Amino acid sequence: SELLQDYITKIKSELVDIRADGSIWLNQKYFDYATGLRMVKDKKWEELFGFPRREDEAELEQHEADLALAIQMVTEEVVILMAKEAKKLTGANAICLAGGVALNCVANG
């Protein structure tokens, strides 16, 4: 959808710089995981995506599902780039993924 593509564009232009080898740089203007109690700066995300953080137990709305899918798609792109770089560096045909993102069964499939 157009909204999904808009979210992907915003993620890639504002939140994360993806390099050819799969390494990334996160724009700390939007994240608080290093020093705060939350992963993201809610107000900055609200400004970027145009809606506030969903309240606990609130019903999931379509724009929230679209944002989740956009994040998933960008994450998969990064995982694939990292895997290709690992193959290039090692020559191995099989790799073992570890860590929280590796547990993402869609990206790991």
Protein backbone atom coordinates (compact mmCIF):
# COMPACT_ATOMS: atom_id res chain seq x y z
CA SER A 1 0.00 0.00 0.00
CA GLU A 2 1.00 3.63 -0.32
CA LEU A 3 1.09 4.03 3.47
CA LEU A 4 3.38 1.00 3.82
CA GLN A 5 5.80 2.42 1.24
CA ASP A 6 5.71 5.79 3.01
CA TYR A 7 6.66 4.12 6.29
CA ILE A 8 9.52 2.21 4.64
CA THR A 9 10.82 5.44 3.11
CA LYS A 10 10.66 7.22 6.48
CA ILE A 11 12.43 4.35 8.23
CA LYS A 12 15.25 4.32 5.68
CA SER A 13 15.60 8.09 5.45
CA GLU A 14 15.17 9.02 9.12
CA LEU A 15 15.68 6.03 11.43
CA VAL A 16 18.35 3.78 9.96
CA ASP A 17 21.24 4.02 7.53
CA ILE A 18 21.71 0.61 5.90
CA ARG A 19 25.11 -0.10 4.38
CA ALA A 20 25.84 -2.61 1.61
CA ASP A 21 27.41 -5.08 4.06
CA GLY A 22 24.30 -5.06 6.25
CA SER A 23 25.80 -2.91 8.98
CA ILE A 24 23.48 -0.19 10.21
CA TRP A 25 23.58 3.16 11.93
CA LEU A 26 20.55 4.13 14.02
CA ASN A 27 19.63 7.80 14.31
CA GLN A 28 19.76 8.32 18.07
CA LYS A 29 17.37 11.26 17.73
CA TYR A 30 14.61 8.60 17.67
CA PHE A 31 15.97 5.99 20.09
CA ASP A 32 16.44 5.93 23.85
CA TYR A 33 17.57 2.35 24.51
CA ALA A 34 21.11 3.31 25.53
CA THR A 35 20.18 5.75 28.29
CA GLY A 36 16.45 5.58 28.92
CA LEU A 37 13.84 3.19 30.18
CA ARG A 38 12.17 2.83 26.76
CA MET A 39 13.54 1.68 23.42
CA VAL A 40 12.28 4.65 21.44
CA LYS A 41 11.51 8.31 21.97
CA ASP A 42 7.73 8.19 21.65
CA LYS A 43 7.25 11.88 20.79
CA LYS A 44 9.82 11.72 17.97
CA TRP A 45 8.17 8.61 16.51
CA GLU A 46 4.78 10.31 16.77
CA GLU A 47 6.13 13.32 14.87
CA LEU A 48 7.69 11.08 12.21
CA PHE A 49 4.81 8.65 11.64
CA GLY A 50 1.86 10.86 12.53
CA PHE A 51 0.24 8.88 15.33
CA PRO A 52 0.95 8.28 19.04
CA ARG A 53 2.13 5.09 20.68
CA ARG A 54 -0.70 2.57 21.03
CA GLU A 55 -2.12 2.31 24.53
CA ASP A 56 -1.69 -1.02 26.31
CA GLU A 57 -4.52 -3.41 25.45
CA ALA A 58 -5.88 -1.06 22.77
CA GLU A 59 -7.08 -2.70 19.58
CA LEU A 60 -4.48 -2.78 16.82
CA GLU A 61 -5.28 -0.32 14.03
CA GLN A 62 -4.32 -0.71 10.37
CA HIS A 63 -1.71 2.06 10.37
CA GLU A 64 0.01 0.34 13.32
CA ALA A 65 0.00 -2.99 11.48
CA ASP A 66 1.41 -1.24 8.40
CA LEU A 67 4.22 0.28 10.47
CA ALA A 68 5.00 -3.12 12.01
CA LEU A 69 5.16 -4.66 8.52
CA ALA A 70 7.41 -1.85 7.28
CA ILE A 71 9.81 -2.43 10.19
CA GLN A 72 9.72 -6.19 9.48
CA MET A 73 10.53 -5.64 5.80
CA VAL A 74 13.47 -3.34 6.55
CA THR A 75 14.73 -5.79 9.19
CA GLU A 76 14.60 -8.64 6.66
CA GLU A 77 16.55 -6.52 4.17
CA VAL A 78 19.29 -5.96 6.75
CA VAL A 79 19.43 -9.66 7.73
CA ILE A 80 19.77 -10.69 4.07
CA LEU A 81 22.56 -8.16 3.48
CA MET A 82 24.39 -9.41 6.59
CA ALA A 83 24.01 -13.03 5.46
CA LYS A 84 25.38 -12.20 2.00
CA GLU A 85 28.33 -10.41 3.59
CA ALA A 86 28.99 -13.40 5.87
CA LYS A 87 28.98 -15.71 2.83
CA LYS A 88 31.32 -13.37 0.97
CA LEU A 89 33.75 -13.23 3.90
CA THR A 90 33.68 -16.93 4.80
CA GLY A 91 32.63 -18.76 1.65
CA ALA A 92 30.24 -20.78 3.81
CA ASN A 93 26.91 -21.88 2.35
CA ALA A 94 25.27 -22.23 5.77
CA ILE A 95 25.27 -19.67 8.53
CA CYS A 96 24.03 -19.77 12.11
CA LEU A 97 22.02 -16.79 13.30
CA ALA A 98 22.03 -15.90 16.99
CA GLY A 99 20.44 -13.21 19.13
CA GLY A 100 17.06 -11.58 19.44
CA VAL A 101 16.63 -10.54 15.82
CA ALA A 102 17.70 -14.01 14.68
CA LEU A 103 14.72 -15.41 16.59
CA ASN A 104 12.46 -13.50 14.20
CA CYS A 105 11.15 -16.58 12.40
CA VAL A 106 10.03 -14.64 9.32
CA ALA A 107 13.49 -13.15 8.75
CA ASN A 108 15.16 -16.47 9.64
CA GLY A 109 12.96 -18.57 7.35
